[in-house]
């Protein structure tokens, strides 16, 4: 796959009516597993409908996630999926993709740094990495609650329960900003 990284622009994958995927760069048919491997290797690609030329990359990536979840690779918690579904059609829907991109970028950077530190300190430590992953995912889920239409109720529940960890001041500032934006959007939607 190193030859795929060297080319300019994304690799074009054509999806045919028979649901077969064709890599135009290597002139070979590929599978969803192969595309998942390309994602993991950092190879940029674009999936196009072979008949219309329409960019269908989003739906194919979603299909890869569905296939991984069906294999038992349960990465996305049910609570997160339900919250995500609630945003479709919500007034904050336009903000969610950018926020998720920013959150995942931050998560990825932190995850890499944590893996490096643990590897240096303990020569591995898979259990610690898993624990850190769970903590990062909990922080991510907590951040997603800011977008929830039930933020006030969730806030009351967390006040009643003791905090497991103290969030950083940056996260607190982001929460305050997002809450202020949510209130402003709610006020604007009520005026119309």
N, C-alpha and C. Protein backbone atom coordinates (compact mmCIF):
# COMPACT_ATOMS: atom_id res chain seq x y z
N UNK A 1 0.81 -1.20 0.00
CA UNK A 1 0.00 0.00 0.00
C UNK A 1 0.84 1.25 0.00
N UNK A 2 2.14 1.12 0.15
CA UNK A 2 2.99 2.29 0.16
C UNK A 2 2.93 3.02 -1.16
N UNK A 3 2.71 2.29 -2.30
CA UNK A 3 2.61 2.96 -3.58
C UNK A 3 1.36 3.83 -3.65
N UNK A 4 0.31 3.47 -2.88
CA UNK A 4 -0.91 4.26 -2.87
C UNK A 4 -0.70 5.59 -2.16
N UNK A 5 0.17 5.62 -1.14
CA UNK A 5 0.43 6.85 -0.41
C UNK A 5 1.24 7.83 -1.24
N UNK A 6 2.07 7.31 -2.15
CA UNK A 6 2.98 8.15 -2.90
C UNK A 6 2.27 8.97 -3.97
N UNK A 7 1.13 8.56 -4.45
CA UNK A 7 0.43 9.26 -5.52
C UNK A 7 -0.24 10.53 -4.99
N UNK A 8 -0.42 11.51 -5.91
CA UNK A 8 -1.10 12.75 -5.54
C UNK A 8 -2.61 12.51 -5.52
N UNK A 9 -3.26 13.11 -4.55
CA UNK A 9 -4.70 13.02 -4.44
C UNK A 9 -5.16 11.68 -3.91
N UNK A 10 -6.45 11.60 -3.62
CA UNK A 10 -6.98 10.35 -3.07
C UNK A 10 -7.09 9.27 -4.15
N UNK A 11 -7.00 8.03 -3.70
CA UNK A 11 -7.20 6.88 -4.58
C UNK A 11 -8.70 6.84 -4.91
N UNK A 12 -9.02 6.62 -6.17
CA UNK A 12 -10.42 6.56 -6.57
C UNK A 12 -10.86 5.09 -6.59
N UNK A 13 -11.93 4.84 -5.84
CA UNK A 13 -12.55 3.52 -5.78
C UNK A 13 -13.92 3.64 -6.45
N UNK A 14 -14.19 2.79 -7.40
CA UNK A 14 -15.48 2.80 -8.09
C UNK A 14 -16.36 1.70 -7.49
N UNK A 15 -17.60 2.05 -7.20
CA UNK A 15 -18.55 1.05 -6.70
C UNK A 15 -19.58 0.79 -7.79
N UNK A 16 -19.68 -0.46 -8.18
CA UNK A 16 -20.57 -0.84 -9.26
C UNK A 16 -21.92 -1.29 -8.72
N UNK A 17 -22.89 -1.41 -9.61
CA UNK A 17 -24.25 -1.79 -9.23
C UNK A 17 -24.29 -3.14 -8.54
N UNK A 18 -23.36 -4.03 -8.87
CA UNK A 18 -23.32 -5.34 -8.23
C UNK A 18 -22.62 -5.27 -6.86
N UNK A 19 -22.37 -4.07 -6.38
CA UNK A 19 -21.77 -3.76 -5.08
C UNK A 19 -20.28 -4.10 -5.01
N UNK A 20 -19.67 -4.39 -6.13
CA UNK A 20 -18.23 -4.64 -6.15
C UNK A 20 -17.49 -3.31 -6.15
N UNK A 21 -16.35 -3.31 -5.49
CA UNK A 21 -15.52 -2.11 -5.37
C UNK A 21 -14.25 -2.31 -6.20
N UNK A 22 -13.90 -1.30 -7.02
CA UNK A 22 -12.76 -1.42 -7.91
C UNK A 22 -11.78 -0.29 -7.65
N UNK A 23 -10.54 -0.63 -7.29
CA UNK A 23 -9.48 0.35 -7.05
C UNK A 23 -8.89 0.72 -8.41
N UNK A 24 -9.11 1.97 -8.84
CA UNK A 24 -8.65 2.38 -10.17
C UNK A 24 -7.14 2.55 -10.22
N UNK A 25 -6.50 2.71 -9.08
CA UNK A 25 -5.05 2.88 -9.07
C UNK A 25 -4.31 1.55 -9.24
N UNK A 26 -4.81 0.52 -8.56
CA UNK A 26 -4.15 -0.80 -8.66
C UNK A 26 -4.83 -1.70 -9.69
N UNK A 27 -5.92 -1.22 -10.30
CA UNK A 27 -6.69 -2.00 -11.27
C UNK A 27 -7.08 -3.36 -10.71
N UNK A 28 -7.65 -3.34 -9.51
CA UNK A 28 -8.07 -4.59 -8.87
C UNK A 28 -9.33 -4.35 -8.05
N UNK A 29 -10.08 -5.43 -7.88
CA UNK A 29 -11.25 -5.36 -7.03
C UNK A 29 -10.81 -5.43 -5.57
N UNK A 30 -11.51 -4.70 -4.72
CA UNK A 30 -11.18 -4.67 -3.30
C UNK A 30 -12.45 -4.93 -2.49
N UNK A 31 -12.24 -5.18 -1.21
CA UNK A 31 -13.37 -5.44 -0.30
C UNK A 31 -13.45 -4.30 0.72
N UNK A 32 -14.51 -4.35 1.53
CA UNK A 32 -14.63 -3.38 2.61
C UNK A 32 -13.49 -3.55 3.61
N UNK A 33 -13.06 -4.79 3.84
CA UNK A 33 -11.92 -5.03 4.73
C UNK A 33 -10.66 -4.35 4.19
N UNK A 34 -10.47 -4.41 2.88
CA UNK A 34 -9.31 -3.77 2.27
C UNK A 34 -9.40 -2.25 2.47
N UNK A 35 -10.59 -1.68 2.27
CA UNK A 35 -10.76 -0.24 2.48
C UNK A 35 -10.52 0.13 3.94
N UNK A 36 -10.96 -0.73 4.86
CA UNK A 36 -10.71 -0.47 6.28
C UNK A 36 -9.20 -0.46 6.54
N UNK A 37 -8.48 -1.37 5.90
CA UNK A 37 -7.03 -1.40 6.02
C UNK A 37 -6.40 -0.13 5.47
N UNK A 38 -6.93 0.37 4.36
CA UNK A 38 -6.41 1.61 3.78
C UNK A 38 -6.61 2.77 4.74
N UNK A 39 -7.77 2.82 5.39
CA UNK A 39 -8.03 3.87 6.37
C UNK A 39 -7.02 3.78 7.50
N UNK A 40 -6.81 2.59 8.02
CA UNK A 40 -5.86 2.39 9.12
C UNK A 40 -4.44 2.74 8.72
N UNK A 41 -4.10 2.53 7.44
CA UNK A 41 -2.76 2.87 6.95
C UNK A 41 -2.62 4.34 6.57
N UNK A 42 -3.72 5.09 6.67
CA UNK A 42 -3.66 6.52 6.36
C UNK A 42 -3.76 6.83 4.88
N UNK A 43 -4.23 5.88 4.07
CA UNK A 43 -4.37 6.10 2.64
C UNK A 43 -5.71 6.81 2.38
N UNK A 44 -5.64 7.97 1.76
CA UNK A 44 -6.85 8.72 1.43
C UNK A 44 -7.48 8.11 0.18
N UNK A 45 -8.79 7.93 0.21
CA UNK A 45 -9.49 7.42 -0.96
C UNK A 45 -10.86 8.06 -1.04
N UNK A 46 -11.41 8.02 -2.24
CA UNK A 46 -12.76 8.51 -2.50
C UNK A 46 -13.50 7.42 -3.23
N UNK A 47 -14.69 7.12 -2.75
CA UNK A 47 -15.51 6.09 -3.40
C UNK A 47 -16.56 6.80 -4.26
N UNK A 48 -16.61 6.42 -5.52
CA UNK A 48 -17.56 7.02 -6.46
C UNK A 48 -18.49 5.96 -7.00
N UNK A 49 -19.74 6.34 -7.19
CA UNK A 49 -20.69 5.46 -7.86
C UNK A 49 -20.22 5.35 -9.31
N UNK A 50 -20.00 4.14 -9.79
CA UNK A 50 -19.45 3.94 -11.14
C UNK A 50 -20.37 4.48 -12.22
N UNK A 51 -21.66 4.46 -12.01
CA UNK A 51 -22.61 4.91 -13.02
C UNK A 51 -22.76 6.42 -13.04
N UNK A 52 -22.93 7.03 -11.84
CA UNK A 52 -23.22 8.47 -11.78
C UNK A 52 -22.00 9.34 -11.47
N UNK A 53 -20.96 8.74 -10.92
CA UNK A 53 -19.79 9.52 -10.52
C UNK A 53 -19.97 10.22 -9.19
N UNK A 54 -21.12 10.00 -8.54
CA UNK A 54 -21.41 10.63 -7.25
C UNK A 54 -20.44 10.14 -6.18
N UNK A 55 -20.00 11.05 -5.31
CA UNK A 55 -19.12 10.70 -4.19
C UNK A 55 -19.97 10.02 -3.12
N UNK A 56 -19.70 8.74 -2.88
CA UNK A 56 -20.45 7.96 -1.88
C UNK A 56 -19.53 7.48 -0.76
N UNK A 57 -18.43 8.20 -0.56
CA UNK A 57 -17.44 7.81 0.44
C UNK A 57 -18.07 7.71 1.82
N UNK A 58 -18.89 8.68 2.20
CA UNK A 58 -19.50 8.70 3.53
C UNK A 58 -20.31 7.42 3.78
N UNK A 59 -21.13 7.03 2.82
CA UNK A 59 -21.96 5.84 3.03
C UNK A 59 -21.11 4.57 3.09
N UNK A 60 -20.02 4.51 2.33
CA UNK A 60 -19.16 3.32 2.36
C UNK A 60 -18.41 3.27 3.69
N UNK A 61 -17.91 4.41 4.19
CA UNK A 61 -17.24 4.43 5.49
C UNK A 61 -18.22 4.02 6.60
N UNK A 62 -19.45 4.50 6.49
CA UNK A 62 -20.47 4.11 7.47
C UNK A 62 -20.73 2.61 7.40
N UNK A 63 -20.72 2.06 6.19
CA UNK A 63 -20.91 0.62 6.02
C UNK A 63 -19.76 -0.16 6.66
N UNK A 64 -18.53 0.37 6.55
CA UNK A 64 -17.38 -0.28 7.18
C UNK A 64 -17.56 -0.30 8.69
N UNK A 65 -18.01 0.82 9.26
CA UNK A 65 -18.25 0.88 10.70
C UNK A 65 -19.32 -0.14 11.09
N UNK A 66 -20.40 -0.20 10.31
CA UNK A 66 -21.46 -1.17 10.58
C UNK A 66 -20.93 -2.59 10.57
N UNK A 67 -20.10 -2.91 9.57
CA UNK A 67 -19.53 -4.26 9.46
C UNK A 67 -18.63 -4.57 10.67
N UNK A 68 -17.82 -3.62 11.09
CA UNK A 68 -16.93 -3.83 12.25
C UNK A 68 -17.76 -4.04 13.51
N UNK A 69 -18.81 -3.25 13.70
CA UNK A 69 -19.68 -3.41 14.86
C UNK A 69 -20.37 -4.77 14.82
N UNK A 70 -20.77 -5.23 13.63
CA UNK A 70 -21.44 -6.52 13.50
C UNK A 70 -20.49 -7.68 13.82
N UNK A 71 -19.19 -7.48 13.64
CA UNK A 71 -18.20 -8.51 13.94
C UNK A 71 -17.92 -8.60 15.43
N UNK A 72 -18.51 -7.72 16.21
CA UNK A 72 -18.26 -7.73 17.65
C UNK A 72 -17.23 -6.71 18.08
N UNK A 73 -16.78 -5.89 17.17
CA UNK A 73 -15.83 -4.81 17.48
C UNK A 73 -16.62 -3.61 18.00
N UNK A 74 -17.22 -3.74 19.17
CA UNK A 74 -18.11 -2.72 19.70
C UNK A 74 -17.34 -1.50 20.20
N UNK A 75 -17.10 -0.57 19.29
CA UNK A 75 -16.37 0.65 19.61
C UNK A 75 -17.33 1.76 20.02
N UNK A 76 -18.49 1.79 19.42
CA UNK A 76 -19.44 2.88 19.67
C UNK A 76 -20.47 2.45 20.71
N UNK A 77 -20.46 3.09 21.87
CA UNK A 77 -21.43 2.73 22.92
C UNK A 77 -22.86 3.08 22.49
N UNK A 78 -23.79 2.31 22.98
CA UNK A 78 -25.21 2.52 22.63
C UNK A 78 -25.65 3.93 23.01
N UNK A 79 -25.23 4.39 24.17
CA UNK A 79 -25.61 5.74 24.62
C UNK A 79 -25.13 6.79 23.61
N UNK A 80 -23.91 6.66 23.12
CA UNK A 80 -23.36 7.58 22.14
C UNK A 80 -24.17 7.54 20.85
N UNK A 81 -24.48 6.32 20.37
CA UNK A 81 -25.25 6.18 19.13
C UNK A 81 -26.63 6.84 19.26
N UNK A 82 -27.26 6.66 20.39
CA UNK A 82 -28.58 7.28 20.59
C UNK A 82 -28.47 8.80 20.60
N UNK A 83 -27.43 9.31 21.27
CA UNK A 83 -27.24 10.76 21.29
C UNK A 83 -26.99 11.29 19.88
N UNK A 84 -26.19 10.57 19.12
CA UNK A 84 -25.88 10.98 17.76
C UNK A 84 -27.14 11.02 16.91
N UNK A 85 -27.99 10.01 17.03
CA UNK A 85 -29.24 9.96 16.26
C UNK A 85 -30.14 11.14 16.63
N UNK A 86 -30.14 11.53 17.89
CA UNK A 86 -30.97 12.66 18.32
C UNK A 86 -30.61 13.96 17.61
N UNK A 87 -29.37 14.09 17.16
CA UNK A 87 -28.94 15.33 16.53
C UNK A 87 -29.44 15.50 15.11
N UNK A 88 -29.85 14.40 14.46
CA UNK A 88 -30.39 14.54 13.12
C UNK A 88 -31.68 15.36 13.19
N UNK A 89 -31.70 16.47 12.45
CA UNK A 89 -32.85 17.35 12.44
C UNK A 89 -32.88 18.35 13.59
N UNK A 90 -31.94 18.26 14.51
CA UNK A 90 -31.86 19.19 15.64
C UNK A 90 -31.26 20.50 15.17
N UNK A 91 -31.54 21.58 15.90
CA UNK A 91 -31.00 22.89 15.54
C UNK A 91 -29.48 22.94 15.63
N UNK A 92 -28.87 22.04 16.39
CA UNK A 92 -27.41 22.01 16.53
C UNK A 92 -26.74 21.05 15.55
N UNK A 93 -27.52 20.44 14.66
CA UNK A 93 -26.98 19.45 13.74
C UNK A 93 -25.78 19.98 12.95
N UNK A 94 -25.80 21.23 12.55
CA UNK A 94 -24.71 21.79 11.75
C UNK A 94 -23.41 21.88 12.53
N UNK A 95 -23.48 21.95 13.84
CA UNK A 95 -22.27 22.08 14.65
C UNK A 95 -21.63 20.73 14.99
N UNK A 96 -22.41 19.67 14.93
CA UNK A 96 -21.93 18.36 15.37
C UNK A 96 -20.75 17.85 14.55
N UNK A 97 -20.79 17.87 13.19
CA UNK A 97 -19.65 17.31 12.45
C UNK A 97 -18.32 18.00 12.77
N UNK A 98 -18.31 19.31 12.85
CA UNK A 98 -17.07 20.03 13.18
C UNK A 98 -16.60 19.71 14.58
N UNK A 99 -17.55 19.62 15.50
CA UNK A 99 -17.19 19.30 16.88
C UNK A 99 -16.63 17.89 16.99
N UNK A 100 -17.27 16.95 16.29
CA UNK A 100 -16.78 15.57 16.32
C UNK A 100 -15.39 15.47 15.69
N UNK A 101 -15.16 16.18 14.58
CA UNK A 101 -13.83 16.20 13.97
C UNK A 101 -12.79 16.71 14.95
N UNK A 102 -13.10 17.84 15.59
CA UNK A 102 -12.18 18.44 16.55
C UNK A 102 -11.92 17.49 17.72
N UNK A 103 -12.98 16.87 18.22
CA UNK A 103 -12.85 15.96 19.35
C UNK A 103 -12.02 14.73 18.99
N UNK A 104 -12.27 14.17 17.82
CA UNK A 104 -11.52 12.98 17.41
C UNK A 104 -10.06 13.31 17.14
N UNK A 105 -9.78 14.49 16.58
CA UNK A 105 -8.39 14.91 16.38
C UNK A 105 -7.68 15.01 17.72
N UNK A 106 -8.33 15.64 18.67
CA UNK A 106 -7.75 15.79 20.01
C UNK A 106 -7.57 14.41 20.66
N UNK A 107 -8.58 13.57 20.55
CA UNK A 107 -8.51 12.23 21.11
C UNK A 107 -7.35 11.44 20.52
N UNK A 108 -7.19 11.51 19.20
CA UNK A 108 -6.13 10.79 18.51
C UNK A 108 -4.75 11.28 18.96
N UNK A 109 -4.60 12.60 19.06
CA UNK A 109 -3.32 13.15 19.51
C UNK A 109 -3.00 12.70 20.93
N UNK A 110 -3.98 12.77 21.81
CA UNK A 110 -3.77 12.35 23.20
C UNK A 110 -3.50 10.85 23.28
N UNK A 111 -4.21 10.07 22.49
CA UNK A 111 -4.05 8.62 22.51
C UNK A 111 -2.63 8.24 22.11
N UNK A 112 -2.12 8.86 21.07
CA UNK A 112 -0.77 8.57 20.62
C UNK A 112 0.26 8.93 21.67
N UNK A 113 0.09 10.07 22.32
CA UNK A 113 1.02 10.49 23.37
C UNK A 113 0.97 9.52 24.55
N UNK A 114 -0.22 9.09 24.93
CA UNK A 114 -0.36 8.15 26.04
C UNK A 114 0.29 6.81 25.71
N UNK A 115 0.09 6.32 24.51
CA UNK A 115 0.70 5.05 24.11
C UNK A 115 2.23 5.15 24.19
N UNK A 116 2.76 6.28 23.71
CA UNK A 116 4.21 6.47 23.74
C UNK A 116 4.74 6.49 25.17
N UNK A 117 4.07 7.22 26.05
CA UNK A 117 4.52 7.32 27.44
C UNK A 117 4.47 5.96 28.14
N UNK A 118 3.40 5.23 27.92
CA UNK A 118 3.25 3.92 28.56
C UNK A 118 4.30 2.96 28.01
N UNK A 119 4.51 2.99 26.70
CA UNK A 119 5.51 2.10 26.10
C UNK A 119 6.90 2.40 26.66
N UNK A 120 7.21 3.67 26.84
CA UNK A 120 8.51 4.05 27.41
C UNK A 120 8.63 3.60 28.86
N UNK A 121 7.58 3.81 29.62
CA UNK A 121 7.63 3.54 31.06
C UNK A 121 7.55 2.05 31.39
N UNK A 122 6.74 1.31 30.65
CA UNK A 122 6.49 -0.07 31.05
C UNK A 122 6.73 -1.09 29.96
N UNK A 123 7.22 -0.64 28.85
CA UNK A 123 7.46 -1.60 27.77
C UNK A 123 6.17 -2.19 27.23
N UNK A 124 5.10 -1.46 27.25
CA UNK A 124 3.81 -1.95 26.75
C UNK A 124 2.69 -1.50 27.63
N UNK A 125 2.13 -2.39 28.40
CA UNK A 125 1.04 -2.06 29.31
C UNK A 125 -0.30 -1.95 28.62
N UNK A 126 -0.75 -3.01 27.95
CA UNK A 126 -2.01 -2.99 27.21
C UNK A 126 -3.21 -2.67 28.10
N UNK A 127 -3.21 -3.17 29.34
CA UNK A 127 -4.34 -2.91 30.23
C UNK A 127 -4.44 -1.43 30.54
N UNK A 128 -3.30 -0.78 30.75
CA UNK A 128 -3.32 0.66 31.01
C UNK A 128 -3.82 1.43 29.80
N UNK A 129 -3.44 1.00 28.61
CA UNK A 129 -3.92 1.65 27.39
C UNK A 129 -5.43 1.50 27.30
N UNK A 130 -5.94 0.32 27.59
CA UNK A 130 -7.38 0.10 27.55
C UNK A 130 -8.09 1.00 28.56
N UNK A 131 -7.52 1.13 29.77
CA UNK A 131 -8.12 2.00 30.77
C UNK A 131 -8.12 3.45 30.32
N UNK A 132 -7.02 3.89 29.74
CA UNK A 132 -6.95 5.26 29.23
C UNK A 132 -7.94 5.47 28.09
N UNK A 133 -8.10 4.46 27.25
CA UNK A 133 -9.07 4.54 26.17
C UNK A 133 -10.47 4.70 26.73
N UNK A 134 -10.79 3.92 27.76
CA UNK A 134 -12.11 4.04 28.39
C UNK A 134 -12.31 5.44 28.98
N UNK A 135 -11.27 5.96 29.63
CA UNK A 135 -11.37 7.31 30.21
C UNK A 135 -11.56 8.36 29.12
N UNK A 136 -10.79 8.25 28.04
CA UNK A 136 -10.94 9.20 26.94
C UNK A 136 -12.33 9.10 26.32
N UNK A 137 -12.84 7.89 26.18
CA UNK A 137 -14.18 7.71 25.63
C UNK A 137 -15.23 8.30 26.56
N UNK A 138 -15.04 8.16 27.86
CA UNK A 138 -15.98 8.75 28.82
C UNK A 138 -15.95 10.27 28.71
N UNK A 139 -14.78 10.83 28.56
CA UNK A 139 -14.67 12.29 28.37
C UNK A 139 -15.38 12.70 27.09
N UNK A 140 -15.18 11.91 26.02
CA UNK A 140 -15.82 12.21 24.74
C UNK A 140 -17.34 12.14 24.86
N UNK A 141 -17.85 11.10 25.54
CA UNK A 141 -19.30 10.98 25.75
C UNK A 141 -19.82 12.15 26.57
N UNK A 142 -19.06 12.54 27.59
CA UNK A 142 -19.47 13.68 28.42
C UNK A 142 -19.56 14.94 27.57
N UNK A 143 -18.59 15.12 26.67
CA UNK A 143 -18.61 16.28 25.79
C UNK A 143 -19.81 16.23 24.86
N UNK A 144 -20.18 15.03 24.40
CA UNK A 144 -21.34 14.90 23.52
C UNK A 144 -22.64 15.27 24.24
N UNK A 145 -22.67 15.08 25.57
CA UNK A 145 -23.87 15.43 26.33
C UNK A 145 -24.15 16.92 26.27
N UNK A 146 -23.14 17.72 26.00
CA UNK A 146 -23.35 19.16 25.90
C UNK A 146 -24.31 19.48 24.76
N UNK A 147 -24.31 18.65 23.72
CA UNK A 147 -25.18 18.89 22.59
C UNK A 147 -26.58 18.33 22.80
N UNK A 148 -26.75 17.50 23.80
CA UNK A 148 -28.01 16.80 24.02
C UNK A 148 -29.12 17.78 24.34
N UNK A 149 -30.31 17.55 23.79
CA UNK A 149 -31.43 18.41 24.13
C UNK A 149 -31.84 18.27 25.60
N UNK A 150 -31.31 17.27 26.26
CA UNK A 150 -31.63 17.03 27.65
C UNK A 150 -30.46 17.43 28.55
N UNK A 151 -29.70 18.44 28.15
CA UNK A 151 -28.51 18.87 28.88
C UNK A 151 -28.81 19.23 30.32
N UNK A 152 -29.89 19.93 30.53
CA UNK A 152 -30.21 20.38 31.89
C UNK A 152 -30.44 19.17 32.81
N UNK A 153 -31.18 18.19 32.32
CA UNK A 153 -31.44 17.00 33.13
C UNK A 153 -30.15 16.24 33.38
N UNK A 154 -29.31 16.14 32.35
CA UNK A 154 -28.03 15.44 32.52
C UNK A 154 -27.15 16.19 33.51
N UNK A 155 -27.18 17.52 33.46
CA UNK A 155 -26.38 18.32 34.39
C UNK A 155 -26.82 18.10 35.82
N UNK A 156 -28.13 18.00 36.04
CA UNK A 156 -28.63 17.76 37.40
C UNK A 156 -28.19 16.40 37.91
N UNK A 157 -28.20 15.39 37.02
CA UNK A 157 -27.78 14.05 37.44
C UNK A 157 -26.32 14.04 37.83
N UNK A 158 -25.48 14.73 37.07
CA UNK A 158 -24.05 14.71 37.40
C UNK A 158 -23.77 15.48 38.66
N UNK A 159 -24.59 16.50 39.00
CA UNK A 159 -24.39 17.23 40.25
C UNK A 159 -24.71 16.34 41.44
N UNK A 160 -25.70 15.45 41.27
CA UNK A 160 -26.09 14.58 42.36
C UNK A 160 -25.07 13.46 42.59
N UNK A 161 -24.36 13.07 41.52
CA UNK A 161 -23.39 11.99 41.62
C UNK A 161 -22.00 12.59 41.84
N UNK A 162 -21.16 11.94 42.63
CA UNK A 162 -19.81 12.47 42.81
C UNK A 162 -19.01 12.37 41.52
N UNK A 163 -18.17 13.36 41.28
CA UNK A 163 -17.35 13.35 40.08
C UNK A 163 -16.24 12.33 40.20
N UNK A 164 -16.01 11.58 39.08
CA UNK A 164 -14.96 10.59 39.06
C UNK A 164 -13.62 11.24 38.71
N UNK A 165 -13.66 12.31 37.93
CA UNK A 165 -12.43 12.97 37.51
C UNK A 165 -12.71 14.46 37.39
N UNK A 166 -11.70 15.26 37.50
CA UNK A 166 -11.89 16.70 37.37
C UNK A 166 -11.54 17.11 35.95
N UNK A 167 -12.50 17.70 35.20
CA UNK A 167 -12.24 18.09 33.83
C UNK A 167 -11.28 19.27 33.78
N UNK A 168 -10.55 19.37 32.69
CA UNK A 168 -9.58 20.46 32.56
C UNK A 168 -10.31 21.78 32.35
N UNK A 169 -9.60 22.87 32.57
CA UNK A 169 -10.22 24.18 32.44
C UNK A 169 -10.61 24.45 30.98
N UNK A 170 -9.87 23.88 30.03
CA UNK A 170 -10.23 24.06 28.62
C UNK A 170 -11.57 23.42 28.32
N UNK A 171 -11.79 22.24 28.85
CA UNK A 171 -13.06 21.55 28.63
C UNK A 171 -14.20 22.34 29.29
N UNK A 172 -13.95 22.84 30.51
CA UNK A 172 -14.97 23.65 31.18
C UNK A 172 -15.31 24.89 30.38
N UNK A 173 -14.29 25.54 29.85
CA UNK A 173 -14.52 26.74 29.04
C UNK A 173 -15.32 26.39 27.79
N UNK A 174 -14.98 25.29 27.15
CA UNK A 174 -15.71 24.84 25.97
C UNK A 174 -17.16 24.53 26.31
N UNK A 175 -17.38 23.89 27.45
CA UNK A 175 -18.75 23.59 27.89
C UNK A 175 -19.55 24.87 28.06
N UNK A 176 -18.94 25.85 28.72
CA UNK A 176 -19.65 27.13 28.94
C UNK A 176 -19.98 27.81 27.61
N UNK A 177 -19.02 27.79 26.69
CA UNK A 177 -19.27 28.40 25.39
C UNK A 177 -20.38 27.67 24.63
N UNK A 178 -20.34 26.35 24.65
CA UNK A 178 -21.36 25.57 23.94
C UNK A 178 -22.74 25.75 24.57
N UNK A 179 -22.79 25.83 25.89
CA UNK A 179 -24.06 26.05 26.57
C UNK A 179 -24.62 27.43 26.21
N UNK A 180 -23.75 28.42 26.15
CA UNK A 180 -24.19 29.76 25.76
C UNK A 180 -24.70 29.75 24.32
N UNK A 181 -23.99 29.03 23.42
CA UNK A 181 -24.46 28.93 22.04
C UNK A 181 -25.79 28.21 21.97
N UNK A 182 -25.95 27.16 22.77
CA UNK A 182 -27.20 26.41 22.77
C UNK A 182 -28.36 27.30 23.20
N UNK A 183 -28.11 28.10 24.25
CA UNK A 183 -29.17 29.02 24.72
C UNK A 183 -29.52 30.04 23.65
N UNK A 184 -28.48 30.59 22.99
CA UNK A 184 -28.73 31.58 21.94
C UNK A 184 -29.52 30.97 20.79
N UNK A 185 -29.17 29.75 20.39
CA UNK A 185 -29.91 29.09 19.32
C UNK A 185 -31.35 28.81 19.73
N UNK A 186 -31.55 28.41 20.97
CA UNK A 186 -32.90 28.16 21.46
C UNK A 186 -33.72 29.45 21.44
N UNK A 187 -33.11 30.56 21.87
CA UNK A 187 -33.81 31.84 21.85
C UNK A 187 -34.15 32.25 20.43
N UNK A 188 -33.21 32.07 19.49
CA UNK A 188 -33.45 32.43 18.11
C UNK A 188 -34.57 31.58 17.50
N UNK A 189 -34.59 30.30 17.82
CA UNK A 189 -35.61 29.42 17.25
C UNK A 189 -36.99 29.75 17.84
N UNK A 190 -37.04 30.24 19.09
CA UNK A 190 -38.31 30.61 19.69
C UNK A 190 -38.86 31.92 19.11
N UNK A 191 -37.97 32.80 18.65
CA UNK A 191 -38.39 34.08 18.08
C UNK A 191 -39.05 33.90 16.73
N UNK A 192 -38.64 32.85 16.00
CA UNK A 192 -39.18 32.64 14.64
C UNK A 192 -40.52 32.08 14.68
